[in-house]
Amino acid sequence: MKIALLADTHATWYDPSLPGNLYDRLSRIDTILHAGDFVCIDLYDKIERMADLIAVHGNADEPEIVKRLPAKQMVSISGLTIGLIHGHQPPEVEGRYKLAAVDYALPRMDLFYRYLIQELPDAEVIVFGHFHKAMTRRYEGRLFINPGSASARAEQRSFATLEIDTYDLPNPQVDIIRF
């Protein structure tokens, strides 16, 4: 099964769309997981019509999205337990690890990874957003994925795909696609 991972699409009410050929790429996907910050409900509705959509809200989403979507959720797809969360925290907490240029390998980021594990303790894979910087990393036996930002306004646009092979569940194939 092939899943698209999106986050931080940051659509606006005057332009509730995804950039360029992303619609075509997503048309070949069965399920889309979105880690928050649609910002505009119109984009949420468009993506929901494209494929099975599982999503959480982020810190920049309008109130209608926040009412409709949870802050975090767990889902089992083809036997793999995936946790979905935006990843934002209060500024006084984020200030302990977040720098202007996020470096996921810095030891201070361990605080962030432990927070995600605490929020989604049973997840084998944790998909998050918020930092607008794509990455994959294994930490304490879990796979962490940030698909980056698929916003038309992002400097480096990206999304990810997750391919689950039921014969090799602990090791799903992840591809970060920059466009």
Foldseek 3Di string as FASTA:
>chain_A
DKEWEAEAQQADPVGLDFDDCVLVVLLPHAEYEYQENSQDVVNVVVVVVRHPYAYAYDPNHDPVRNVVHHQKDWDADLNAIEIGHAQDDPPVQCVQQDDPQHDCPDPSCVSSVVVQCVVVVVHQEYEYEDNQDFDWDDDPNHIYTYLGHRYPPDPWHWIKMWAADSVCHSDTDIDIDTD
